[in-house]
Amino acid sequence: MKHLSAAGALTAAAACFVLSALPAFGSDSGTISATVAAATPCITIDTTSVDFGTLGFSTSSFFSAKVLSHASAYRNCGATQEAILARGTDAQSGTSAATWSLTQPSWICNIATANGYGLELGSDLTFRFALSKQNASFETLGGNASGYLNLRIDMPCTGSAGAGEKMNFQYILTAIF
C-alpha cells in the first residue's frame, strides 16, 4: 500500500508539472488604459497697462518717439518651448472719432503720413521689432523662460487727428507651438 501511495503522489506531482507547463486559458484580448495631458501654449505679462505720457506730433524736422525700457516682464508659463507672435492695434481716442492707423511711419512727414503711427516691441532677445495689425513671429521662448519687454511708439505727423486727446492702443502677444 505504501507503494501505491508513493506511486499516487508521484502521479499527482507529474500531473501538476505537466499542467503548469501548459498555457493558461484566458480571454481573447487585453486592455491597458493610458492618459496624457497635452501641453497648452501659455504666456504671462506682468504689466498690462502703460502710459507714454504726453508726446508731440512728428514734423519734417523732428521724429517724435518714445521707448519704455523694461516696461513689463513676460514669461512662458509652460514647460515646452513656444513661439511668440506679436501685433498691434490702431489707436483710438476715448473721447472722439480720432483714429491713427498702425503703419510704418515715414521719417519725413507729409500729407500722406497723417494719422499713421508706429509701434515697436523689443526684448532681451529681439532688439527692435516693428508691429503690424497681423500676427508676426516675434521670438521663440524656451519652457519657463522669461524676459523683459521694451515698448516704443512713433508718433504720427503734425496735422493728424487726436491733438490733446488720450489715444488707446494695444501690443498683443500670442503664444503658439
N, C-alpha and C. Protein backbone atom coordinates (compact mmCIF):
# COMPACT_ATOMS: atom_id res chain seq x y z
N MET A 1 0.80 -1.17 0.00
CA MET A 1 0.00 0.00 0.00
C MET A 1 0.85 1.26 0.00
N LYS A 2 1.97 1.16 0.73
CA LYS A 2 2.87 2.30 0.72
C LYS A 2 3.38 2.55 -0.67
N HIS A 3 3.52 1.48 -1.37
CA HIS A 3 4.00 1.61 -2.72
C HIS A 3 2.97 2.32 -3.60
N LEU A 4 1.70 2.03 -3.39
CA LEU A 4 0.62 2.66 -4.12
C LEU A 4 0.51 4.14 -3.78
N SER A 5 0.64 4.52 -2.51
CA SER A 5 0.54 5.93 -2.13
C SER A 5 1.70 6.71 -2.72
N ALA A 6 2.88 6.15 -2.71
CA ALA A 6 4.01 6.84 -3.29
C ALA A 6 3.81 6.96 -4.79
N ALA A 7 3.26 5.93 -5.43
CA ALA A 7 3.01 5.99 -6.86
C ALA A 7 1.93 7.02 -7.15
N GLY A 8 0.92 7.10 -6.29
CA GLY A 8 -0.17 8.07 -6.48
C GLY A 8 0.36 9.50 -6.32
N ALA A 9 1.23 9.70 -5.34
CA ALA A 9 1.79 11.03 -5.11
C ALA A 9 2.68 11.43 -6.27
N LEU A 10 3.44 10.46 -6.77
CA LEU A 10 4.30 10.73 -7.91
C LEU A 10 3.47 11.06 -9.15
N THR A 11 2.38 10.37 -9.36
CA THR A 11 1.49 10.63 -10.49
C THR A 11 0.87 12.02 -10.37
N ALA A 12 0.44 12.38 -9.16
CA ALA A 12 -0.18 13.70 -8.93
C ALA A 12 0.84 14.81 -9.17
N ALA A 13 2.08 14.62 -8.72
CA ALA A 13 3.13 15.62 -8.91
C ALA A 13 3.43 15.77 -10.40
N ALA A 14 3.50 14.67 -11.12
CA ALA A 14 3.77 14.72 -12.55
C ALA A 14 2.64 15.43 -13.28
N ALA A 15 1.41 15.19 -12.87
CA ALA A 15 0.25 15.85 -13.50
C ALA A 15 0.30 17.36 -13.25
N CYS A 16 0.66 17.77 -12.04
CA CYS A 16 0.77 19.22 -11.74
C CYS A 16 1.87 19.86 -12.57
N PHE A 17 2.99 19.16 -12.73
CA PHE A 17 4.10 19.69 -13.52
C PHE A 17 3.67 19.87 -14.98
N VAL A 18 3.01 18.88 -15.53
CA VAL A 18 2.57 18.95 -16.92
C VAL A 18 1.56 20.07 -17.08
N LEU A 19 0.62 20.19 -16.17
CA LEU A 19 -0.41 21.23 -16.27
C LEU A 19 0.18 22.64 -16.13
N SER A 20 1.22 22.76 -15.29
CA SER A 20 1.81 24.10 -15.11
C SER A 20 2.58 24.54 -16.36
N ALA A 21 3.01 23.64 -17.19
CA ALA A 21 3.74 23.98 -18.39
C ALA A 21 2.81 24.33 -19.55
N LEU A 22 1.52 24.05 -19.44
CA LEU A 22 0.56 24.36 -20.48
C LEU A 22 0.18 25.84 -20.39
N PRO A 23 -0.21 26.48 -21.50
CA PRO A 23 -0.62 27.89 -21.45
C PRO A 23 -1.92 28.03 -20.67
N ALA A 24 -2.03 29.18 -20.00
CA ALA A 24 -3.25 29.46 -19.24
C ALA A 24 -4.32 29.88 -20.22
N PHE A 25 -5.51 29.46 -19.96
CA PHE A 25 -6.62 29.87 -20.81
C PHE A 25 -7.18 31.16 -20.26
N GLY A 26 -7.37 32.19 -21.14
CA GLY A 26 -7.90 33.49 -20.73
C GLY A 26 -8.77 34.04 -21.83
N SER A 27 -9.01 35.37 -21.77
CA SER A 27 -9.85 36.00 -22.78
C SER A 27 -9.04 36.18 -24.06
N ASP A 28 -9.71 36.57 -25.13
CA ASP A 28 -9.04 36.73 -26.41
C ASP A 28 -8.47 38.13 -26.61
N SER A 29 -8.55 39.02 -25.59
CA SER A 29 -7.96 40.35 -25.70
C SER A 29 -7.63 40.88 -24.31
N GLY A 30 -6.83 41.96 -24.29
CA GLY A 30 -6.48 42.62 -23.04
C GLY A 30 -6.44 44.13 -23.26
N THR A 31 -6.57 44.89 -22.23
CA THR A 31 -6.63 46.34 -22.36
C THR A 31 -5.69 47.00 -21.36
N ILE A 32 -4.99 48.02 -21.84
CA ILE A 32 -4.18 48.87 -20.96
C ILE A 32 -4.75 50.27 -21.08
N SER A 33 -5.20 50.84 -20.00
CA SER A 33 -5.71 52.22 -20.02
C SER A 33 -4.54 53.17 -19.86
N ALA A 34 -4.57 54.29 -20.61
CA ALA A 34 -3.48 55.25 -20.57
C ALA A 34 -4.05 56.67 -20.68
N THR A 35 -3.28 57.66 -20.20
CA THR A 35 -3.68 59.07 -20.33
C THR A 35 -2.45 59.90 -20.68
N VAL A 36 -2.69 61.06 -21.25
CA VAL A 36 -1.64 62.03 -21.49
C VAL A 36 -2.28 63.41 -21.43
N ALA A 37 -1.56 64.37 -20.92
CA ALA A 37 -2.04 65.75 -20.91
C ALA A 37 -1.33 66.51 -22.02
N ALA A 38 -2.08 67.14 -22.90
CA ALA A 38 -1.49 67.92 -23.99
C ALA A 38 -1.06 69.28 -23.44
N ALA A 39 0.14 69.68 -23.77
CA ALA A 39 0.63 70.99 -23.32
C ALA A 39 -0.20 72.09 -23.97
N THR A 40 -0.32 73.19 -23.28
CA THR A 40 -1.06 74.34 -23.77
C THR A 40 -0.12 75.53 -23.86
N PRO A 41 -0.12 76.26 -24.99
CA PRO A 41 0.71 77.47 -25.05
C PRO A 41 0.28 78.42 -23.93
N CYS A 42 1.26 79.08 -23.32
CA CYS A 42 0.95 79.90 -22.16
C CYS A 42 1.96 81.04 -22.05
N ILE A 43 1.47 82.26 -21.89
CA ILE A 43 2.33 83.41 -21.67
C ILE A 43 1.68 84.30 -20.61
N THR A 44 2.50 84.79 -19.70
CA THR A 44 2.02 85.77 -18.72
C THR A 44 2.77 87.07 -18.93
N ILE A 45 2.06 88.16 -18.75
CA ILE A 45 2.62 89.50 -18.87
C ILE A 45 2.34 90.22 -17.56
N ASP A 46 3.40 90.68 -16.89
CA ASP A 46 3.24 91.28 -15.56
C ASP A 46 2.52 92.62 -15.58
N THR A 47 2.91 93.50 -16.47
CA THR A 47 2.30 94.82 -16.54
C THR A 47 1.37 94.86 -17.73
N THR A 48 0.10 95.10 -17.49
CA THR A 48 -0.88 95.05 -18.58
C THR A 48 -1.35 96.43 -19.03
N SER A 49 -0.76 97.49 -18.49
CA SER A 49 -1.13 98.83 -18.90
C SER A 49 0.06 99.77 -18.70
N VAL A 50 0.36 100.59 -19.70
CA VAL A 50 1.44 101.58 -19.60
C VAL A 50 0.93 102.91 -20.14
N ASP A 51 1.62 103.99 -19.77
CA ASP A 51 1.28 105.33 -20.23
C ASP A 51 2.55 105.98 -20.76
N PHE A 52 2.55 106.35 -22.02
CA PHE A 52 3.70 107.00 -22.63
C PHE A 52 3.76 108.49 -22.29
N GLY A 53 2.80 108.99 -21.54
CA GLY A 53 2.79 110.41 -21.20
C GLY A 53 2.26 111.24 -22.35
N THR A 54 2.69 112.48 -22.43
CA THR A 54 2.28 113.40 -23.50
C THR A 54 3.45 113.57 -24.46
N LEU A 55 3.19 113.29 -25.74
CA LEU A 55 4.22 113.42 -26.78
C LEU A 55 3.70 114.32 -27.89
N GLY A 56 4.59 115.05 -28.51
CA GLY A 56 4.22 115.88 -29.65
C GLY A 56 4.14 115.08 -30.92
N PHE A 57 3.47 115.65 -31.90
CA PHE A 57 3.44 115.03 -33.21
C PHE A 57 4.82 115.15 -33.86
N SER A 58 5.12 114.23 -34.77
CA SER A 58 6.35 114.31 -35.55
C SER A 58 6.21 115.43 -36.58
N THR A 59 7.34 115.99 -36.99
CA THR A 59 7.37 117.02 -38.03
C THR A 59 8.40 116.63 -39.07
N SER A 60 8.54 117.46 -40.08
CA SER A 60 9.52 117.16 -41.12
C SER A 60 10.95 117.29 -40.60
N SER A 61 11.13 117.97 -39.45
CA SER A 61 12.48 118.13 -38.90
C SER A 61 12.67 117.41 -37.56
N PHE A 62 11.59 116.80 -37.00
CA PHE A 62 11.70 116.13 -35.70
C PHE A 62 10.81 114.90 -35.69
N PHE A 63 11.43 113.75 -35.46
CA PHE A 63 10.68 112.50 -35.37
C PHE A 63 10.38 112.24 -33.90
N SER A 64 9.12 112.28 -33.52
CA SER A 64 8.71 112.12 -32.13
C SER A 64 8.46 110.65 -31.81
N ALA A 65 9.23 110.11 -30.86
CA ALA A 65 9.11 108.70 -30.47
C ALA A 65 9.49 108.57 -29.00
N LYS A 66 9.07 107.49 -28.39
CA LYS A 66 9.45 107.23 -27.00
C LYS A 66 9.54 105.73 -26.79
N VAL A 67 10.54 105.33 -25.99
CA VAL A 67 10.74 103.92 -25.63
C VAL A 67 10.55 103.78 -24.13
N LEU A 68 9.78 102.79 -23.73
CA LEU A 68 9.67 102.42 -22.32
C LEU A 68 10.47 101.14 -22.14
N SER A 69 11.69 101.27 -21.61
CA SER A 69 12.57 100.11 -21.41
C SER A 69 12.08 99.29 -20.22
N HIS A 70 12.14 98.00 -20.38
CA HIS A 70 11.70 97.05 -19.35
C HIS A 70 10.31 97.42 -18.83
N ALA A 71 9.41 97.73 -19.76
CA ALA A 71 8.05 98.14 -19.40
C ALA A 71 7.26 97.03 -18.74
N SER A 72 7.59 95.78 -19.05
CA SER A 72 6.88 94.65 -18.47
C SER A 72 7.74 93.40 -18.55
N ALA A 73 7.61 92.56 -17.54
CA ALA A 73 8.21 91.23 -17.60
C ALA A 73 7.21 90.30 -18.29
N TYR A 74 7.71 89.31 -18.99
CA TYR A 74 6.85 88.29 -19.59
C TYR A 74 7.49 86.94 -19.37
N ARG A 75 6.66 85.88 -19.40
CA ARG A 75 7.17 84.55 -19.08
C ARG A 75 6.37 83.49 -19.82
N ASN A 76 7.08 82.48 -20.29
CA ASN A 76 6.45 81.27 -20.80
C ASN A 76 6.03 80.48 -19.57
N CYS A 77 4.75 80.38 -19.31
CA CYS A 77 4.28 79.69 -18.10
C CYS A 77 4.09 78.20 -18.33
N GLY A 78 4.61 77.69 -19.44
CA GLY A 78 4.59 76.26 -19.70
C GLY A 78 6.01 75.71 -19.72
N ALA A 79 6.11 74.41 -19.74
CA ALA A 79 7.42 73.75 -19.71
C ALA A 79 7.94 73.46 -21.12
N THR A 80 7.15 73.78 -22.15
CA THR A 80 7.50 73.47 -23.53
C THR A 80 7.88 74.74 -24.28
N GLN A 81 8.88 74.65 -25.14
CA GLN A 81 9.27 75.78 -25.98
C GLN A 81 8.08 76.22 -26.82
N GLU A 82 7.91 77.53 -26.99
CA GLU A 82 6.80 78.05 -27.79
C GLU A 82 7.25 79.27 -28.59
N ALA A 83 6.52 79.53 -29.66
CA ALA A 83 6.77 80.71 -30.48
C ALA A 83 5.86 81.83 -29.97
N ILE A 84 6.40 83.04 -29.95
CA ILE A 84 5.63 84.20 -29.54
C ILE A 84 5.34 85.05 -30.77
N LEU A 85 4.07 85.28 -31.04
CA LEU A 85 3.64 86.14 -32.12
C LEU A 85 3.29 87.51 -31.53
N ALA A 86 3.48 88.56 -32.30
CA ALA A 86 3.17 89.90 -31.81
C ALA A 86 2.46 90.70 -32.88
N ARG A 87 1.57 91.58 -32.44
CA ARG A 87 0.88 92.50 -33.33
C ARG A 87 0.43 93.70 -32.51
N GLY A 88 0.00 94.73 -33.20
CA GLY A 88 -0.51 95.93 -32.55
C GLY A 88 -1.89 96.27 -33.09
N THR A 89 -2.47 97.33 -32.55
CA THR A 89 -3.79 97.77 -33.00
C THR A 89 -3.73 99.23 -33.44
N ASP A 90 -4.73 99.65 -34.17
CA ASP A 90 -4.89 101.07 -34.45
C ASP A 90 -5.13 101.79 -33.12
N ALA A 91 -4.80 103.07 -33.07
CA ALA A 91 -5.03 103.88 -31.87
C ALA A 91 -6.38 104.59 -32.00
N GLN A 92 -7.16 104.55 -30.94
CA GLN A 92 -8.49 105.16 -30.92
C GLN A 92 -8.58 106.15 -29.77
N SER A 93 -9.21 107.27 -30.03
CA SER A 93 -9.47 108.24 -28.96
C SER A 93 -10.60 107.71 -28.08
N GLY A 94 -10.50 108.00 -26.79
CA GLY A 94 -11.58 107.63 -25.88
C GLY A 94 -12.69 108.66 -25.85
N THR A 95 -12.48 109.81 -26.49
CA THR A 95 -13.46 110.90 -26.41
C THR A 95 -13.95 111.41 -27.75
N SER A 96 -13.37 110.99 -28.86
CA SER A 96 -13.81 111.46 -30.18
C SER A 96 -13.63 110.33 -31.19
N ALA A 97 -13.84 110.65 -32.44
CA ALA A 97 -13.69 109.66 -33.50
C ALA A 97 -12.27 109.61 -34.04
N ALA A 98 -11.32 110.28 -33.40
CA ALA A 98 -9.93 110.30 -33.88
C ALA A 98 -9.34 108.89 -33.88
N THR A 99 -8.67 108.55 -34.98
CA THR A 99 -8.04 107.24 -35.15
C THR A 99 -6.69 107.42 -35.81
N TRP A 100 -5.69 106.68 -35.34
CA TRP A 100 -4.40 106.59 -36.01
C TRP A 100 -4.25 105.17 -36.51
N SER A 101 -3.88 105.00 -37.75
CA SER A 101 -3.67 103.67 -38.33
C SER A 101 -2.26 103.19 -38.01
N LEU A 102 -2.17 101.96 -37.57
CA LEU A 102 -0.85 101.37 -37.31
C LEU A 102 -0.17 101.11 -38.64
N THR A 103 0.92 101.83 -38.89
CA THR A 103 1.67 101.72 -40.14
C THR A 103 3.15 101.79 -39.80
N GLN A 104 3.96 101.78 -40.80
CA GLN A 104 5.38 102.06 -40.61
C GLN A 104 5.57 103.51 -40.99
N PRO A 105 5.59 104.41 -40.02
CA PRO A 105 5.61 105.84 -40.35
C PRO A 105 6.89 106.25 -41.08
N SER A 106 6.73 107.28 -41.89
CA SER A 106 7.85 107.82 -42.65
C SER A 106 8.70 108.72 -41.76
N TRP A 107 9.99 108.77 -42.01
CA TRP A 107 10.86 109.67 -41.26
C TRP A 107 10.64 111.12 -41.69
N ILE A 108 10.04 111.32 -42.84
CA ILE A 108 9.77 112.67 -43.32
C ILE A 108 8.26 112.83 -43.41
N CYS A 109 7.71 113.76 -42.62
CA CYS A 109 6.26 113.95 -42.60
C CYS A 109 5.79 114.66 -43.86
N ASN A 110 4.71 114.17 -44.37
CA ASN A 110 3.99 114.83 -45.46
C ASN A 110 2.52 114.47 -45.32
N ILE A 111 1.71 114.95 -46.17
CA ILE A 111 0.27 114.73 -46.04
C ILE A 111 -0.08 113.24 -46.07
N ALA A 112 0.70 112.44 -46.75
CA ALA A 112 0.41 111.01 -46.86
C ALA A 112 0.63 110.27 -45.53
N THR A 113 1.35 110.85 -44.60
CA THR A 113 1.63 110.14 -43.35
C THR A 113 0.78 110.64 -42.18
N ALA A 114 -0.16 111.55 -42.42
CA ALA A 114 -1.05 111.99 -41.34
C ALA A 114 -1.87 110.80 -40.85
N ASN A 115 -2.08 110.74 -39.55
CA ASN A 115 -2.88 109.70 -38.88
C ASN A 115 -2.29 108.30 -38.99
N GLY A 116 -1.02 108.20 -39.29
CA GLY A 116 -0.33 106.92 -39.29
C GLY A 116 0.73 106.94 -38.19
N TYR A 117 0.80 105.91 -37.39
CA TYR A 117 1.78 105.85 -36.30
C TYR A 117 2.41 104.47 -36.27
N GLY A 118 3.47 104.31 -35.51
CA GLY A 118 4.16 103.04 -35.45
C GLY A 118 4.34 102.53 -34.03
N LEU A 119 4.38 101.23 -33.88
CA LEU A 119 4.68 100.56 -32.61
C LEU A 119 5.81 99.58 -32.84
N GLU A 120 6.71 99.52 -31.87
CA GLU A 120 7.79 98.53 -31.90
C GLU A 120 7.84 97.83 -30.55
N LEU A 121 8.33 96.62 -30.60
CA LEU A 121 8.47 95.79 -29.41
C LEU A 121 9.91 95.30 -29.38
N GLY A 122 10.50 95.24 -28.23
CA GLY A 122 11.84 94.70 -28.08
C GLY A 122 11.89 93.82 -26.84
N SER A 123 12.92 93.02 -26.74
CA SER A 123 13.10 92.15 -25.57
C SER A 123 14.59 91.92 -25.36
N ASP A 124 14.89 91.06 -24.42
CA ASP A 124 16.28 90.68 -24.19
C ASP A 124 16.86 89.96 -25.41
N LEU A 125 15.99 89.30 -26.20
CA LEU A 125 16.44 88.52 -27.35
C LEU A 125 16.28 89.27 -28.68
N THR A 126 15.30 90.15 -28.76
CA THR A 126 14.99 90.85 -30.00
C THR A 126 15.09 92.34 -29.77
N PHE A 127 15.99 93.03 -30.49
CA PHE A 127 16.23 94.45 -30.24
C PHE A 127 15.02 95.30 -30.59
N ARG A 128 14.65 95.38 -31.85
CA ARG A 128 13.50 96.18 -32.27
C ARG A 128 12.70 95.39 -33.30
N PHE A 129 11.41 95.32 -33.08
CA PHE A 129 10.52 94.56 -33.94
C PHE A 129 9.31 95.44 -34.23
N ALA A 130 9.17 95.90 -35.50
CA ALA A 130 8.05 96.76 -35.89
C ALA A 130 6.77 95.93 -35.97
N LEU A 131 5.73 96.42 -35.34
CA LEU A 131 4.46 95.71 -35.31
C LEU A 131 3.56 96.14 -36.46
N SER A 132 2.73 95.21 -36.90
CA SER A 132 1.65 95.49 -37.84
C SER A 132 0.37 94.97 -37.20
N LYS A 133 -0.73 95.06 -37.92
CA LYS A 133 -2.01 94.58 -37.36
C LYS A 133 -2.17 93.07 -37.50
N GLN A 134 -1.24 92.41 -38.20
CA GLN A 134 -1.28 90.95 -38.35
C GLN A 134 -0.21 90.33 -37.46
N ASN A 135 -0.54 89.17 -36.90
CA ASN A 135 0.45 88.45 -36.10
C ASN A 135 1.69 88.16 -36.93
N ALA A 136 2.85 88.35 -36.32
CA ALA A 136 4.12 88.01 -36.95
C ALA A 136 5.00 87.38 -35.88
N SER A 137 5.91 86.51 -36.29
CA SER A 137 6.78 85.81 -35.36
C SER A 137 7.73 86.81 -34.68
N PHE A 138 7.64 86.91 -33.38
CA PHE A 138 8.47 87.83 -32.60
C PHE A 138 9.72 87.13 -32.10
N GLU A 139 9.55 86.02 -31.40
CA GLU A 139 10.70 85.24 -30.92
C GLU A 139 10.24 83.88 -30.43
N THR A 140 11.22 83.02 -30.13
CA THR A 140 10.96 81.71 -29.55
C THR A 140 11.39 81.75 -28.10
N LEU A 141 10.54 81.23 -27.24
CA LEU A 141 10.79 81.28 -25.80
C LEU A 141 10.82 79.86 -25.26
N GLY A 142 11.90 79.49 -24.59
CA GLY A 142 12.03 78.16 -24.00
C GLY A 142 11.05 77.95 -22.86
N GLY A 143 10.87 76.70 -22.47
CA GLY A 143 9.98 76.38 -21.36
C GLY A 143 10.38 77.12 -20.10
N ASN A 144 9.41 77.75 -19.46
CA ASN A 144 9.59 78.51 -18.21
C ASN A 144 10.57 79.69 -18.34
N ALA A 145 10.92 80.07 -19.56
CA ALA A 145 11.84 81.20 -19.76
C ALA A 145 11.09 82.52 -19.57
N SER A 146 11.84 83.56 -19.23
CA SER A 146 11.23 84.87 -19.03
C SER A 146 12.16 85.97 -19.53
N GLY A 147 11.63 87.17 -19.61
CA GLY A 147 12.41 88.31 -20.06
C GLY A 147 11.65 89.59 -19.82
N TYR A 148 12.17 90.68 -20.38
CA TYR A 148 11.55 92.00 -20.25
C TYR A 148 11.21 92.53 -21.63
N LEU A 149 10.10 93.26 -21.71
CA LEU A 149 9.67 93.87 -22.96
C LEU A 149 9.97 95.36 -22.96
N ASN A 150 10.47 95.84 -24.08
CA ASN A 150 10.66 97.27 -24.32
C ASN A 150 9.60 97.69 -25.32
N LEU A 151 8.88 98.76 -25.03
CA LEU A 151 7.80 99.23 -25.88
C LEU A 151 8.17 100.57 -26.49
N ARG A 152 7.87 100.74 -27.76
CA ARG A 152 8.17 102.00 -28.44
C ARG A 152 6.95 102.46 -29.23
N ILE A 153 6.73 103.78 -29.22
CA ILE A 153 5.72 104.40 -30.06
C ILE A 153 6.39 105.45 -30.93
N ASP A 154 6.03 105.47 -32.21
CA ASP A 154 6.45 106.50 -33.16
C ASP A 154 5.21 107.33 -33.46
N MET A 155 5.24 108.58 -33.08
CA MET A 155 4.07 109.44 -33.20
C MET A 155 3.76 109.80 -34.65
N PRO A 156 2.46 110.03 -34.94
CA PRO A 156 2.09 110.46 -36.29
C PRO A 156 2.53 111.91 -36.53
N CYS A 157 2.39 112.33 -37.75
CA CYS A 157 2.85 113.67 -38.14
C CYS A 157 1.84 114.76 -37.78
N THR A 158 2.36 115.96 -37.70
CA THR A 158 1.53 117.13 -37.48
C THR A 158 0.40 117.14 -38.51
N GLY A 159 -0.77 117.53 -38.06
CA GLY A 159 -1.95 117.50 -38.93
C GLY A 159 -2.80 116.28 -38.71
N SER A 160 -2.33 115.35 -37.87
CA SER A 160 -3.10 114.15 -37.56
C SER A 160 -4.22 114.49 -36.57
N ALA A 161 -5.24 113.68 -36.54
CA ALA A 161 -6.34 113.82 -35.58
C ALA A 161 -5.84 113.49 -34.19
N GLY A 162 -6.57 113.88 -33.17
CA GLY A 162 -6.28 113.47 -31.80
C GLY A 162 -5.43 114.42 -30.99
N ALA A 163 -5.19 115.64 -31.48
CA ALA A 163 -4.39 116.60 -30.70
C ALA A 163 -5.08 116.85 -29.35
N GLY A 164 -4.32 116.75 -28.26
CA GLY A 164 -4.85 116.97 -26.92
C GLY A 164 -5.68 115.82 -26.37
N GLU A 165 -5.79 114.74 -27.09
CA GLU A 165 -6.61 113.60 -26.64
C GLU A 165 -5.72 112.42 -26.23
N LYS A 166 -6.26 111.59 -25.35
CA LYS A 166 -5.57 110.35 -24.96
C LYS A 166 -5.98 109.27 -25.95
N MET A 167 -4.99 108.71 -26.63
CA MET A 167 -5.22 107.67 -27.63
C MET A 167 -4.94 106.31 -27.00
N ASN A 168 -5.77 105.33 -27.31
CA ASN A 168 -5.68 103.99 -26.74
C ASN A 168 -5.29 102.98 -27.82
N PHE A 169 -4.34 102.10 -27.50
CA PHE A 169 -3.87 101.09 -28.44
C PHE A 169 -3.31 99.93 -27.64
N GLN A 170 -3.03 98.82 -28.34
CA GLN A 170 -2.55 97.62 -27.66
C GLN A 170 -1.37 96.98 -28.37
N TYR A 171 -0.50 96.39 -27.57
CA TYR A 171 0.53 95.45 -28.01
C TYR A 171 -0.04 94.07 -27.65
N ILE A 172 -0.13 93.18 -28.61
CA ILE A 172 -0.75 91.87 -28.36
C ILE A 172 0.27 90.78 -28.61
N LEU A 173 0.51 89.94 -27.59
CA LEU A 173 1.42 88.80 -27.70
C LEU A 173 0.60 87.52 -27.62
N THR A 174 0.91 86.56 -28.49
CA THR A 174 0.21 85.29 -28.52
C THR A 174 1.24 84.16 -28.53
N ALA A 175 1.04 83.18 -27.67
CA ALA A 175 1.94 82.01 -27.61
C ALA A 175 1.34 80.88 -28.42
N ILE A 176 2.16 80.24 -29.26
CA ILE A 176 1.74 79.07 -30.04
C ILE A 176 2.86 78.03 -30.02
N PHE A 177 2.51 76.81 -30.41
CA PHE A 177 3.53 75.77 -30.59
C PHE A 177 3.92 75.72 -32.03
